[in-house]
Amino acid sequence: MDLSVTVSADAIVCRVSGDVDIASSSALRERLVGLLRLPNPRLVVELSQVSFMDASGVAALLAARRRSLLLGGELRLAEPSSPVRRVLEASGLGSRFEPEPKRGPWPLTDHRAETAPAAPH
């Protein structure tokens, strides 16, 4: 799994690619929750390049969603790949996530770990 983050005026966008499974889901959860500490708690998780996601990946997304709601923010899913859509539909949890309306390319300003601290262990 690979993650990249961009920050725009209206959202923090986290692009996820590769496999999101039991081996990588805790890192995804920590990264997403860490991003919610930034001033703009509107988080968009772009999932078009995710090749596989299991239930642990869905659990990571749900944990970040719960945290965003506690902070008065929101978490939306953008362009989920077919493997992501399948696991969300199979789990019955797809309706818990607001879809991000499709739009042009996400901003290119890249703010990686130096901007978004990891969640405490």
N, C-alpha and C. Protein backbone atom coordinates (compact mmCIF):
# COMPACT_ATOMS: atom_id res chain seq x y z
N MET A 1 0.84 -1.17 0.00
CA MET A 1 0.00 0.00 0.00
C MET A 1 0.88 1.24 0.00
N ASP A 2 0.49 2.22 -0.79
CA ASP A 2 1.16 3.51 -0.82
C ASP A 2 0.13 4.60 -0.54
N LEU A 3 0.59 5.65 0.14
CA LEU A 3 -0.26 6.79 0.46
C LEU A 3 0.43 8.06 0.04
N SER A 4 -0.32 9.01 -0.48
CA SER A 4 0.20 10.35 -0.71
C SER A 4 -0.89 11.32 -0.30
N VAL A 5 -0.47 12.49 0.17
CA VAL A 5 -1.41 13.46 0.72
C VAL A 5 -1.23 14.80 0.03
N THR A 6 -2.33 15.43 -0.30
CA THR A 6 -2.31 16.81 -0.78
C THR A 6 -3.29 17.60 0.07
N VAL A 7 -2.96 18.86 0.25
CA VAL A 7 -3.81 19.75 1.03
C VAL A 7 -4.23 20.89 0.12
N SER A 8 -5.55 21.08 0.01
CA SER A 8 -6.06 22.19 -0.78
C SER A 8 -6.85 23.11 0.15
N ALA A 9 -7.40 24.15 -0.40
CA ALA A 9 -8.16 25.10 0.41
C ALA A 9 -9.40 24.47 1.02
N ASP A 10 -9.98 23.48 0.35
CA ASP A 10 -11.24 22.92 0.84
C ASP A 10 -11.15 21.50 1.39
N ALA A 11 -10.00 20.83 1.28
CA ALA A 11 -9.94 19.45 1.75
C ALA A 11 -8.50 18.96 1.87
N ILE A 12 -8.35 17.93 2.68
CA ILE A 12 -7.13 17.15 2.72
C ILE A 12 -7.44 15.90 1.89
N VAL A 13 -6.62 15.61 0.90
CA VAL A 13 -6.87 14.46 0.03
C VAL A 13 -5.77 13.44 0.27
N CYS A 14 -6.16 12.23 0.63
CA CYS A 14 -5.23 11.13 0.82
C CYS A 14 -5.48 10.12 -0.30
N ARG A 15 -4.49 9.94 -1.17
CA ARG A 15 -4.59 8.96 -2.26
C ARG A 15 -4.00 7.64 -1.76
N VAL A 16 -4.77 6.59 -1.91
CA VAL A 16 -4.35 5.26 -1.48
C VAL A 16 -4.21 4.40 -2.72
N SER A 17 -3.14 3.60 -2.77
CA SER A 17 -2.97 2.68 -3.89
C SER A 17 -2.42 1.36 -3.38
N GLY A 18 -2.62 0.32 -4.17
CA GLY A 18 -2.13 -1.01 -3.81
C GLY A 18 -3.14 -1.79 -3.00
N ASP A 19 -2.63 -2.75 -2.22
CA ASP A 19 -3.48 -3.62 -1.41
C ASP A 19 -3.68 -3.03 -0.02
N VAL A 20 -4.92 -3.00 0.43
CA VAL A 20 -5.24 -2.58 1.79
C VAL A 20 -5.80 -3.82 2.48
N ASP A 21 -4.94 -4.44 3.30
CA ASP A 21 -5.30 -5.69 3.95
C ASP A 21 -4.83 -5.67 5.39
N ILE A 22 -4.87 -6.82 6.03
CA ILE A 22 -4.52 -6.91 7.45
C ILE A 22 -3.09 -6.42 7.71
N ALA A 23 -2.22 -6.54 6.74
CA ALA A 23 -0.82 -6.11 6.91
C ALA A 23 -0.66 -4.60 6.81
N SER A 24 -1.58 -3.92 6.15
CA SER A 24 -1.41 -2.48 5.92
C SER A 24 -2.52 -1.61 6.52
N SER A 25 -3.59 -2.21 6.96
CA SER A 25 -4.74 -1.42 7.40
C SER A 25 -4.46 -0.58 8.64
N SER A 26 -3.63 -1.06 9.55
CA SER A 26 -3.34 -0.25 10.74
C SER A 26 -2.57 1.01 10.35
N ALA A 27 -1.67 0.91 9.38
CA ALA A 27 -0.94 2.09 8.91
C ALA A 27 -1.91 3.07 8.23
N LEU A 28 -2.88 2.56 7.48
CA LEU A 28 -3.87 3.43 6.86
C LEU A 28 -4.68 4.15 7.93
N ARG A 29 -5.16 3.41 8.92
CA ARG A 29 -5.96 4.00 10.00
C ARG A 29 -5.16 5.10 10.72
N GLU A 30 -3.92 4.81 11.08
CA GLU A 30 -3.09 5.79 11.78
C GLU A 30 -2.86 7.04 10.94
N ARG A 31 -2.62 6.85 9.66
CA ARG A 31 -2.37 7.99 8.77
C ARG A 31 -3.62 8.87 8.63
N LEU A 32 -4.77 8.23 8.42
CA LEU A 32 -6.00 9.00 8.25
C LEU A 32 -6.36 9.74 9.53
N VAL A 33 -6.27 9.08 10.67
CA VAL A 33 -6.57 9.73 11.94
C VAL A 33 -5.58 10.87 12.19
N GLY A 34 -4.31 10.66 11.84
CA GLY A 34 -3.31 11.72 11.98
C GLY A 34 -3.62 12.92 11.12
N LEU A 35 -4.13 12.70 9.93
CA LEU A 35 -4.47 13.81 9.03
C LEU A 35 -5.61 14.65 9.59
N LEU A 36 -6.45 14.06 10.40
CA LEU A 36 -7.57 14.79 10.97
C LEU A 36 -7.12 15.81 12.02
N ARG A 37 -5.86 15.80 12.37
CA ARG A 37 -5.32 16.80 13.30
C ARG A 37 -4.99 18.11 12.59
N LEU A 38 -4.95 18.10 11.28
CA LEU A 38 -4.67 19.32 10.53
C LEU A 38 -5.86 20.27 10.67
N PRO A 39 -5.65 21.55 10.40
CA PRO A 39 -6.71 22.53 10.62
C PRO A 39 -8.02 22.28 9.86
N ASN A 40 -7.96 21.69 8.69
CA ASN A 40 -9.18 21.46 7.91
C ASN A 40 -9.56 19.99 8.06
N PRO A 41 -10.55 19.66 8.91
CA PRO A 41 -10.87 18.24 9.12
C PRO A 41 -11.75 17.62 8.03
N ARG A 42 -11.76 18.21 6.83
CA ARG A 42 -12.50 17.61 5.72
C ARG A 42 -11.53 16.72 4.96
N LEU A 43 -11.70 15.43 5.10
CA LEU A 43 -10.77 14.46 4.53
C LEU A 43 -11.44 13.70 3.40
N VAL A 44 -10.76 13.67 2.25
CA VAL A 44 -11.22 12.91 1.09
C VAL A 44 -10.20 11.79 0.88
N VAL A 45 -10.70 10.56 0.87
CA VAL A 45 -9.83 9.40 0.64
C VAL A 45 -10.07 8.92 -0.79
N GLU A 46 -9.07 9.11 -1.63
CA GLU A 46 -9.17 8.77 -3.05
C GLU A 46 -8.69 7.33 -3.22
N LEU A 47 -9.56 6.45 -3.71
CA LEU A 47 -9.32 5.01 -3.71
C LEU A 47 -9.30 4.38 -5.09
N SER A 48 -9.11 5.16 -6.12
CA SER A 48 -9.19 4.61 -7.48
C SER A 48 -8.08 3.62 -7.81
N GLN A 49 -6.96 3.70 -7.10
CA GLN A 49 -5.82 2.82 -7.40
C GLN A 49 -5.67 1.68 -6.39
N VAL A 50 -6.68 1.43 -5.58
CA VAL A 50 -6.63 0.31 -4.64
C VAL A 50 -6.97 -0.97 -5.40
N SER A 51 -6.04 -1.92 -5.37
CA SER A 51 -6.23 -3.17 -6.12
C SER A 51 -6.91 -4.26 -5.31
N PHE A 52 -6.89 -4.12 -3.98
CA PHE A 52 -7.53 -5.11 -3.10
C PHE A 52 -7.82 -4.44 -1.77
N MET A 53 -8.98 -4.75 -1.19
CA MET A 53 -9.29 -4.29 0.15
C MET A 53 -10.08 -5.38 0.85
N ASP A 54 -9.67 -5.68 2.10
CA ASP A 54 -10.43 -6.64 2.88
C ASP A 54 -11.16 -5.92 4.01
N ALA A 55 -11.77 -6.69 4.91
CA ALA A 55 -12.56 -6.11 5.99
C ALA A 55 -11.74 -5.22 6.90
N SER A 56 -10.45 -5.51 7.06
CA SER A 56 -9.61 -4.66 7.91
C SER A 56 -9.43 -3.28 7.31
N GLY A 57 -9.43 -3.19 5.99
CA GLY A 57 -9.37 -1.89 5.32
C GLY A 57 -10.65 -1.09 5.55
N VAL A 58 -11.78 -1.77 5.49
CA VAL A 58 -13.06 -1.10 5.77
C VAL A 58 -13.08 -0.62 7.22
N ALA A 59 -12.57 -1.45 8.14
CA ALA A 59 -12.52 -1.05 9.55
C ALA A 59 -11.65 0.19 9.74
N ALA A 60 -10.55 0.30 9.01
CA ALA A 60 -9.69 1.48 9.09
C ALA A 60 -10.43 2.72 8.60
N LEU A 61 -11.17 2.59 7.52
CA LEU A 61 -11.95 3.72 7.01
C LEU A 61 -13.04 4.13 8.01
N LEU A 62 -13.69 3.14 8.61
CA LEU A 62 -14.73 3.44 9.60
C LEU A 62 -14.16 4.14 10.83
N ALA A 63 -12.99 3.70 11.29
CA ALA A 63 -12.36 4.34 12.45
C ALA A 63 -12.04 5.80 12.15
N ALA A 64 -11.53 6.07 10.97
CA ALA A 64 -11.22 7.45 10.58
C ALA A 64 -12.51 8.26 10.43
N ARG A 65 -13.55 7.65 9.92
CA ARG A 65 -14.84 8.35 9.79
C ARG A 65 -15.37 8.74 11.16
N ARG A 66 -15.34 7.79 12.10
CA ARG A 66 -15.81 8.09 13.46
C ARG A 66 -15.04 9.25 14.07
N ARG A 67 -13.71 9.24 13.90
CA ARG A 67 -12.87 10.31 14.45
C ARG A 67 -13.21 11.65 13.79
N SER A 68 -13.42 11.65 12.47
CA SER A 68 -13.75 12.90 11.79
C SER A 68 -15.06 13.47 12.31
N LEU A 69 -16.04 12.62 12.56
CA LEU A 69 -17.33 13.09 13.07
C LEU A 69 -17.17 13.66 14.48
N LEU A 70 -16.35 13.03 15.31
CA LEU A 70 -16.09 13.53 16.66
C LEU A 70 -15.44 14.92 16.63
N LEU A 71 -14.65 15.17 15.60
CA LEU A 71 -13.95 16.44 15.47
C LEU A 71 -14.76 17.49 14.71
N GLY A 72 -15.98 17.15 14.34
CA GLY A 72 -16.82 18.08 13.60
C GLY A 72 -16.47 18.17 12.13
N GLY A 73 -15.75 17.20 11.64
CA GLY A 73 -15.34 17.20 10.23
C GLY A 73 -16.12 16.17 9.44
N GLU A 74 -15.52 15.76 8.36
CA GLU A 74 -16.15 14.73 7.53
C GLU A 74 -15.07 13.94 6.80
N LEU A 75 -15.43 12.73 6.43
CA LEU A 75 -14.57 11.87 5.63
C LEU A 75 -15.42 11.38 4.47
N ARG A 76 -14.91 11.59 3.27
CA ARG A 76 -15.61 11.14 2.06
C ARG A 76 -14.69 10.23 1.26
N LEU A 77 -15.30 9.32 0.52
CA LEU A 77 -14.55 8.44 -0.37
C LEU A 77 -14.69 8.94 -1.79
N ALA A 78 -13.56 9.01 -2.49
CA ALA A 78 -13.56 9.47 -3.88
C ALA A 78 -13.12 8.33 -4.80
N GLU A 79 -13.87 8.14 -5.83
CA GLU A 79 -13.53 7.22 -6.91
C GLU A 79 -13.07 5.85 -6.42
N PRO A 80 -13.87 5.17 -5.59
CA PRO A 80 -13.45 3.85 -5.13
C PRO A 80 -13.34 2.87 -6.31
N SER A 81 -12.27 2.09 -6.30
CA SER A 81 -12.07 1.08 -7.34
C SER A 81 -13.11 -0.03 -7.18
N SER A 82 -13.23 -0.89 -8.16
CA SER A 82 -14.23 -1.97 -8.05
C SER A 82 -13.94 -2.91 -6.88
N PRO A 83 -12.67 -3.24 -6.53
CA PRO A 83 -12.47 -4.06 -5.33
C PRO A 83 -12.97 -3.36 -4.05
N VAL A 84 -12.81 -2.06 -3.98
CA VAL A 84 -13.29 -1.32 -2.80
C VAL A 84 -14.81 -1.30 -2.78
N ARG A 85 -15.42 -1.03 -3.92
CA ARG A 85 -16.89 -1.03 -3.98
C ARG A 85 -17.45 -2.39 -3.59
N ARG A 86 -16.81 -3.46 -4.07
CA ARG A 86 -17.29 -4.82 -3.75
C ARG A 86 -17.28 -5.08 -2.25
N VAL A 87 -16.18 -4.75 -1.56
CA VAL A 87 -16.10 -5.05 -0.13
C VAL A 87 -17.04 -4.15 0.66
N LEU A 88 -17.22 -2.91 0.23
CA LEU A 88 -18.18 -2.03 0.91
C LEU A 88 -19.61 -2.54 0.74
N GLU A 89 -19.94 -2.98 -0.47
CA GLU A 89 -21.28 -3.52 -0.71
C GLU A 89 -21.49 -4.83 0.05
N ALA A 90 -20.49 -5.72 0.03
CA ALA A 90 -20.62 -7.01 0.71
C ALA A 90 -20.77 -6.83 2.22
N SER A 91 -20.11 -5.84 2.76
CA SER A 91 -20.17 -5.60 4.21
C SER A 91 -21.43 -4.83 4.61
N GLY A 92 -22.11 -4.24 3.63
CA GLY A 92 -23.28 -3.43 3.93
C GLY A 92 -22.94 -2.07 4.52
N LEU A 93 -21.67 -1.67 4.43
CA LEU A 93 -21.22 -0.43 5.06
C LEU A 93 -21.02 0.72 4.07
N GLY A 94 -21.25 0.49 2.83
CA GLY A 94 -21.03 1.53 1.83
C GLY A 94 -21.85 2.78 2.08
N SER A 95 -23.05 2.60 2.63
CA SER A 95 -23.92 3.76 2.87
C SER A 95 -23.42 4.65 4.02
N ARG A 96 -22.47 4.17 4.80
CA ARG A 96 -21.93 4.98 5.90
C ARG A 96 -21.01 6.10 5.41
N PHE A 97 -20.57 6.00 4.15
CA PHE A 97 -19.61 6.97 3.61
C PHE A 97 -20.28 7.84 2.56
N GLU A 98 -20.12 9.14 2.73
CA GLU A 98 -20.58 10.07 1.71
C GLU A 98 -19.62 10.00 0.53
N PRO A 99 -20.14 9.84 -0.69
CA PRO A 99 -19.24 9.86 -1.84
C PRO A 99 -18.81 11.29 -2.15
N GLU A 100 -17.58 11.44 -2.58
CA GLU A 100 -17.08 12.74 -3.03
C GLU A 100 -17.48 12.89 -4.48
N PRO A 101 -18.13 13.99 -4.84
CA PRO A 101 -18.49 14.17 -6.25
C PRO A 101 -17.25 14.11 -7.13
N LYS A 102 -17.39 13.48 -8.27
CA LYS A 102 -16.27 13.40 -9.21
C LYS A 102 -15.90 14.80 -9.68
N ARG A 103 -14.62 15.05 -9.70
CA ARG A 103 -14.14 16.34 -10.18
C ARG A 103 -12.84 16.15 -10.91
N GLY A 104 -12.26 17.22 -11.37
CA GLY A 104 -11.01 17.14 -12.13
C GLY A 104 -9.88 16.62 -11.28
N PRO A 105 -8.67 16.67 -11.78
CA PRO A 105 -7.52 16.17 -11.03
C PRO A 105 -7.39 16.88 -9.69
N TRP A 106 -6.99 16.14 -8.68
CA TRP A 106 -6.78 16.70 -7.35
C TRP A 106 -5.58 17.64 -7.39
N PRO A 107 -5.52 18.59 -6.49
CA PRO A 107 -4.37 19.51 -6.46
C PRO A 107 -3.06 18.75 -6.36
N LEU A 108 -2.02 19.35 -6.88
CA LEU A 108 -0.73 18.67 -6.93
C LEU A 108 0.20 19.01 -5.77
N THR A 109 -0.15 19.96 -4.92
CA THR A 109 0.69 20.30 -3.79
C THR A 109 0.77 19.10 -2.87
N ASP A 110 1.95 18.55 -2.69
CA ASP A 110 2.12 17.33 -1.93
C ASP A 110 2.68 17.64 -0.55
N HIS A 111 1.96 17.26 0.48
CA HIS A 111 2.39 17.44 1.86
C HIS A 111 2.42 16.06 2.49
N ARG A 112 3.60 15.52 2.64
CA ARG A 112 3.72 14.16 3.19
C ARG A 112 3.87 14.18 4.69
N ALA A 113 4.57 13.25 5.27
CA ALA A 113 4.63 13.06 6.71
C ALA A 113 5.04 14.30 7.48
N GLU A 114 5.86 15.18 6.90
CA GLU A 114 6.29 16.36 7.65
C GLU A 114 5.13 17.29 7.95
N THR A 115 4.06 17.21 7.22
CA THR A 115 2.90 18.06 7.45
C THR A 115 1.87 17.37 8.33
N ALA A 116 1.76 16.06 8.20
CA ALA A 116 0.73 15.32 8.91
C ALA A 116 1.39 14.29 9.84
N PRO A 117 1.50 14.60 11.13
CA PRO A 117 2.14 13.66 12.05
C PRO A 117 1.35 12.38 12.17
N ALA A 118 2.06 11.31 12.41
CA ALA A 118 1.42 10.00 12.59
C ALA A 118 0.70 9.99 13.92
N ALA A 119 -0.31 9.17 14.03
CA ALA A 119 -1.06 9.04 15.27
C ALA A 119 -0.17 8.43 16.34
N PRO A 120 -0.38 8.79 17.62
CA PRO A 120 0.44 8.21 18.69
C PRO A 120 0.16 6.72 18.82
N HIS A 121 1.12 5.99 19.29
CA HIS A 121 0.97 4.54 19.44
C HIS A 121 0.53 4.19 20.82
